[in-house]
């Protein structure tokens, strides 16, 4: 029988929540599969600083919708932009992400999820945790602190 991790975890969605990729929205095919464009993505203001504070109290893992060829560059991006260390999981479709969080909730004590879309909220409901949904590309990270750093 698997033992659930007793540490408390926070799930953080990457695209739109901590990563601003809107500079690519008008490009053909939006450049989502091109590493040279991905490297130019910027962090959402306040995200890294707030997650650093949260990482002092909780373990963090990241969830991304990127395709397999972008997994390593995504992990590098997270590190290079000063985000706290954390596991990074990938699921291109909502179904893949739902299957992933079903497995993760048996392994981790996930207490909160931070995202920017309605389907992020669906994942949080599947986990059974606090769901914090921020405005895409410009999240109110002070609100996140209010709920997680009381």
C-alpha atoms as a PDB file:
ATOM      1  CA  UNK A   1       0.000   0.000   0.000  1.00  0.00           C
ATOM      2  CA  UNK A   2       1.326   3.432  -0.970  1.00  0.00           C
ATOM      3  CA  UNK A   3       1.813   5.961   1.777  1.00  0.00           C
ATOM      4  CA  UNK A   4       0.625   9.480   1.187  1.00  0.00           C
ATOM      5  CA  UNK A   5       3.207  12.224   1.703  1.00  0.00           C
ATOM      6  CA  UNK A   6       2.419  14.085   4.934  1.00  0.00           C
ATOM      7  CA  UNK A   7       3.905  17.346   3.663  1.00  0.00           C
ATOM      8  CA  UNK A   8       1.430  19.885   2.357  1.00  0.00           C
ATOM      9  CA  UNK A   9       1.683  20.617  -1.368  1.00  0.00           C
ATOM     10  CA  UNK A  10       0.525  23.461  -3.616  1.00  0.00           C
ATOM     11  CA  UNK A  11      -0.165  22.844  -7.315  1.00  0.00           C
ATOM     12  CA  UNK A  12       0.816  25.801  -9.526  1.00  0.00           C
ATOM     13  CA  UNK A  13      -0.243  26.007 -13.145  1.00  0.00           C
ATOM     14  CA  UNK A  14       2.454  27.344 -15.479  1.00  0.00           C
ATOM     15  CA  UNK A  15       0.963  28.914 -18.620  1.00  0.00           C
ATOM     16  CA  UNK A  16      -0.877  32.158 -17.890  1.00  0.00           C
ATOM     17  CA  UNK A  17      -0.457  31.793 -14.125  1.00  0.00           C
ATOM     18  CA  UNK A  18       3.298  32.208 -13.615  1.00  0.00           C
ATOM     19  CA  UNK A  19       4.347  32.470 -17.263  1.00  0.00           C
ATOM     20  CA  UNK A  20       3.340  35.278 -19.619  1.00  0.00           C
ATOM     21  CA  UNK A  21       3.365  34.022 -23.207  1.00  0.00           C
ATOM     22  CA  UNK A  22       1.064  36.647 -24.722  1.00  0.00           C
ATOM     23  CA  UNK A  23       3.910  37.999 -26.889  1.00  0.00           C
ATOM     24  CA  UNK A  24       3.356  34.859 -28.992  1.00  0.00           C
ATOM     25  CA  UNK A  25      -0.409  35.089 -29.392  1.00  0.00           C
ATOM     26  CA  UNK A  26      -0.268  36.834 -32.792  1.00  0.00           C
ATOM     27  CA  UNK A  27       2.431  34.602 -34.261  1.00  0.00           C
ATOM     28  CA  UNK A  28       1.584  31.904 -36.812  1.00  0.00           C
ATOM     29  CA  UNK A  29       0.789  28.757 -34.817  1.00  0.00           C
ATOM     30  CA  UNK A  30       1.537  31.056 -31.852  1.00  0.00           C
ATOM     31  CA  UNK A  31       5.065  29.676 -31.714  1.00  0.00           C
ATOM     32  CA  UNK A  32       3.999  27.344 -28.908  1.00  0.00           C
ATOM     33  CA  UNK A  33       6.159  24.517 -30.208  1.00  0.00           C
ATOM     34  CA  UNK A  34       9.269  26.599 -30.902  1.00  0.00           C
ATOM     35  CA  UNK A  35      11.918  26.663 -28.161  1.00  0.00           C
ATOM     36  CA  UNK A  36      13.325  29.988 -29.421  1.00  0.00           C
ATOM     37  CA  UNK A  37       9.954  31.662 -28.738  1.00  0.00           C
ATOM     38  CA  UNK A  38       9.402  29.785 -25.479  1.00  0.00           C
ATOM     39  CA  UNK A  39      12.705  31.120 -24.122  1.00  0.00           C
ATOM     40  CA  UNK A  40      11.343  34.668 -24.523  1.00  0.00           C
ATOM     41  CA  UNK A  41       8.354  34.080 -22.243  1.00  0.00           C
ATOM     42  CA  UNK A  42       8.330  36.343 -19.190  1.00  0.00           C
ATOM     43  CA  UNK A  43       7.323  35.592 -15.613  1.00  0.00           C
ATOM     44  CA  UNK A  44       4.070  37.073 -14.357  1.00  0.00           C
ATOM     45  CA  UNK A  45       4.882  39.998 -12.079  1.00  0.00           C
ATOM     46  CA  UNK A  46       4.995  38.978  -8.423  1.00  0.00           C
ATOM     47  CA  UNK A  47       4.670  35.245  -9.048  1.00  0.00           C
ATOM     48  CA  UNK A  48       8.247  34.167  -8.258  1.00  0.00           C
ATOM     49  CA  UNK A  49       8.478  36.333  -5.149  1.00  0.00           C
ATOM     50  CA  UNK A  50       5.187  35.061  -3.738  1.00  0.00           C
ATOM     51  CA  UNK A  51       5.972  31.437  -4.533  1.00  0.00           C
ATOM     52  CA  UNK A  52       9.327  31.837  -2.762  1.00  0.00           C
ATOM     53  CA  UNK A  53       7.399  32.791   0.377  1.00  0.00           C
ATOM     54  CA  UNK A  54       4.933  29.941  -0.098  1.00  0.00           C
ATOM     55  CA  UNK A  55       7.802  27.468  -0.573  1.00  0.00           C
ATOM     56  CA  UNK A  56       8.927  28.188   2.992  1.00  0.00           C
ATOM     57  CA  UNK A  57       5.645  26.694   4.254  1.00  0.00           C
ATOM     58  CA  UNK A  58       4.605  24.241   1.502  1.00  0.00           C
ATOM     59  CA  UNK A  59       6.120  21.990  -1.142  1.00  0.00           C
ATOM     60  CA  UNK A  60       5.339  23.175  -4.667  1.00  0.00           C
ATOM     61  CA  UNK A  61       4.753  21.321  -7.879  1.00  0.00           C
ATOM     62  CA  UNK A  62       4.086  22.820 -11.277  1.00  0.00           C
ATOM     63  CA  UNK A  63       1.622  21.675 -13.939  1.00  0.00           C
ATOM     64  CA  UNK A  64       2.024  22.543 -17.636  1.00  0.00           C
ATOM     65  CA  UNK A  65       0.133  21.827 -20.854  1.00  0.00           C
ATOM     66  CA  UNK A  66       3.232  21.792 -23.024  1.00  0.00           C
ATOM     67  CA  UNK A  67       4.087  19.035 -25.423  1.00  0.00           C
ATOM     68  CA  UNK A  68       6.916  16.585 -24.604  1.00  0.00           C
ATOM     69  CA  UNK A  69       9.617  18.289 -26.684  1.00  0.00           C
ATOM     70  CA  UNK A  70       9.265  21.402 -24.487  1.00  0.00           C
ATOM     71  CA  UNK A  71       9.500  19.674 -21.101  1.00  0.00           C
ATOM     72  CA  UNK A  72      13.194  20.347 -20.457  1.00  0.00           C
ATOM     73  CA  UNK A  73      13.057  23.965 -21.629  1.00  0.00           C
ATOM     74  CA  UNK A  74      10.036  24.527 -19.368  1.00  0.00           C
ATOM     75  CA  UNK A  75      11.909  23.159 -16.352  1.00  0.00           C
ATOM     76  CA  UNK A  76      14.885  25.392 -17.235  1.00  0.00           C
ATOM     77  CA  UNK A  77      12.598  28.407 -17.616  1.00  0.00           C
ATOM     78  CA  UNK A  78      11.178  27.870 -14.121  1.00  0.00           C
ATOM     79  CA  UNK A  79      14.679  27.699 -12.611  1.00  0.00           C
ATOM     80  CA  UNK A  80      16.146  30.564 -14.657  1.00  0.00           C
ATOM     81  CA  UNK A  81      13.339  32.928 -13.652  1.00  0.00           C
ATOM     82  CA  UNK A  82      13.846  32.396  -9.935  1.00  0.00           C
ATOM     83  CA  UNK A  83      10.875  30.193  -9.124  1.00  0.00           C
ATOM     84  CA  UNK A  84      11.268  27.845  -6.183  1.00  0.00           C
ATOM     85  CA  UNK A  85      12.322  24.297  -6.810  1.00  0.00           C
ATOM     86  CA  UNK A  86       9.500  21.895  -7.479  1.00  0.00           C
ATOM     87  CA  UNK A  87       8.472  18.881  -9.456  1.00  0.00           C
ATOM     88  CA  UNK A  88       7.084  19.677 -12.939  1.00  0.00           C
ATOM     89  CA  UNK A  89       4.318  17.596 -14.495  1.00  0.00           C
ATOM     90  CA  UNK A  90       2.933  17.803 -18.018  1.00  0.00           C
ATOM     91  CA  UNK A  91      -0.435  17.004 -19.560  1.00  0.00           C
ATOM     92  CA  UNK A  92      -1.373  18.385 -22.965  1.00  0.00           C
ATOM     93  CA  UNK A  93      -5.094  17.646 -22.661  1.00  0.00           C
ATOM     94  CA  UNK A  94      -7.543  18.180 -19.849  1.00  0.00           C
ATOM     95  CA  UNK A  95      -8.073  14.420 -19.700  1.00  0.00           C
ATOM     96  CA  UNK A  96      -4.317  13.829 -19.262  1.00  0.00           C
ATOM     97  CA  UNK A  97      -4.146  16.449 -16.524  1.00  0.00           C
ATOM     98  CA  UNK A  98      -7.179  14.990 -14.723  1.00  0.00           C
ATOM     99  CA  UNK A  99      -5.626  11.513 -14.793  1.00  0.00           C
ATOM    100  CA  UNK A 100      -2.374  12.988 -13.495  1.00  0.00           C
ATOM    101  CA  UNK A 101      -3.969  14.809 -10.546  1.00  0.00           C
ATOM    102  CA  UNK A 102      -6.011  11.717  -9.644  1.00  0.00           C
ATOM    103  CA  UNK A 103      -2.731   9.844  -9.250  1.00  0.00           C
ATOM    104  CA  UNK A 104      -0.958  12.719  -7.494  1.00  0.00           C
ATOM    105  CA  UNK A 105      -3.694  13.137  -4.895  1.00  0.00           C
ATOM    106  CA  UNK A 106      -3.059   9.570  -3.736  1.00  0.00           C
ATOM    107  CA  UNK A 107       0.647  10.388  -3.271  1.00  0.00           C
ATOM    108  CA  UNK A 108       0.626  13.992  -2.045  1.00  0.00           C
ATOM    109  CA  UNK A 109      -1.333  15.975   0.511  1.00  0.00           C
ATOM    110  CA  UNK A 110      -2.353  18.747  -1.912  1.00  0.00           C
ATOM    111  CA  UNK A 111      -3.923  21.618   0.027  1.00  0.00           C
ATOM    112  CA  UNK A 112      -4.228  24.278  -2.698  1.00  0.00           C
ATOM    113  CA  UNK A 113      -4.066  24.876  -6.404  1.00  0.00           C
ATOM    114  CA  UNK A 114      -3.242  28.129  -8.185  1.00  0.00           C
ATOM    115  CA  UNK A 115      -4.344  28.627 -11.783  1.00  0.00           C
ATOM    116  CA  UNK A 116      -5.848  31.100 -14.221  1.00  0.00           C
ATOM    117  CA  UNK A 117      -8.526  29.153 -16.105  1.00  0.00           C
ATOM    118  CA  UNK A 118     -11.782  27.382 -15.399  1.00  0.00           C
ATOM    119  CA  UNK A 119     -10.284  23.994 -16.270  1.00  0.00           C
ATOM    120  CA  UNK A 120      -7.604  24.644 -13.619  1.00  0.00           C
ATOM    121  CA  UNK A 121     -10.481  24.928 -11.153  1.00  0.00           C
ATOM    122  CA  UNK A 122     -11.812  21.560 -12.384  1.00  0.00           C
ATOM    123  CA  UNK A 123      -8.443  20.018 -11.534  1.00  0.00           C
ATOM    124  CA  UNK A 124      -8.517  21.585  -8.073  1.00  0.00           C
ATOM    125  CA  UNK A 125     -12.017  20.202  -7.512  1.00  0.00           C
ATOM    126  CA  UNK A 126     -10.777  16.747  -8.545  1.00  0.00           C
ATOM    127  CA  UNK A 127      -7.978  17.060  -5.984  1.00  0.00           C
ATOM    128  CA  UNK A 128     -10.366  18.401  -3.347  1.00  0.00           C
ATOM    129  CA  UNK A 129      -8.222  21.385  -2.426  1.00  0.00           C
ATOM    130  CA  UNK A 130      -8.520  25.143  -2.097  1.00  0.00           C
ATOM    131  CA  UNK A 131      -8.765  26.614  -5.601  1.00  0.00           C
ATOM    132  CA  UNK A 132      -7.252  30.025  -6.271  1.00  0.00           C
ATOM    133  CA  UNK A 133      -8.002  31.278  -9.787  1.00  0.00           C
ATOM    134  CA  UNK A 134      -6.114  34.400 -10.840  1.00  0.00           C
ATOM    135  CA  UNK A 135      -6.533  36.709 -13.813  1.00  0.00           C
ATOM    136  CA  UNK A 136      -4.483  35.373 -16.717  1.00  0.00           C
ATOM    137  CA  UNK A 137      -1.034  37.021 -17.042  1.00  0.00           C
ATOM    138  CA  UNK A 138      -1.604  39.429 -14.146  1.00  0.00           C
ATOM    139  CA  UNK A 139      -2.519  37.468 -11.068  1.00  0.00           C
ATOM    140  CA  UNK A 140      -3.117  39.193  -7.762  1.00  0.00           C
ATOM    141  CA  UNK A 141      -0.365  37.451  -5.837  1.00  0.00           C
ATOM    142  CA  UNK A 142      -1.217  39.358  -2.643  1.00  0.00           C
ATOM    143  CA  UNK A 143      -4.513  37.434  -2.633  1.00  0.00           C
ATOM    144  CA  UNK A 144      -2.569  34.180  -2.889  1.00  0.00           C
ATOM    145  CA  UNK A 145      -0.497  35.233   0.124  1.00  0.00           C
ATOM    146  CA  UNK A 146      -3.682  36.087   2.017  1.00  0.00           C
ATOM    147  CA  UNK A 147      -5.025  32.556   1.607  1.00  0.00           C
ATOM    148  CA  UNK A 148      -1.823  30.541   1.940  1.00  0.00           C
ATOM    149  CA  UNK A 149       0.370  32.518   4.316  1.00  0.00           C
ATOM    150  CA  UNK A 150      -2.053  33.271   7.145  1.00  0.00           C
END
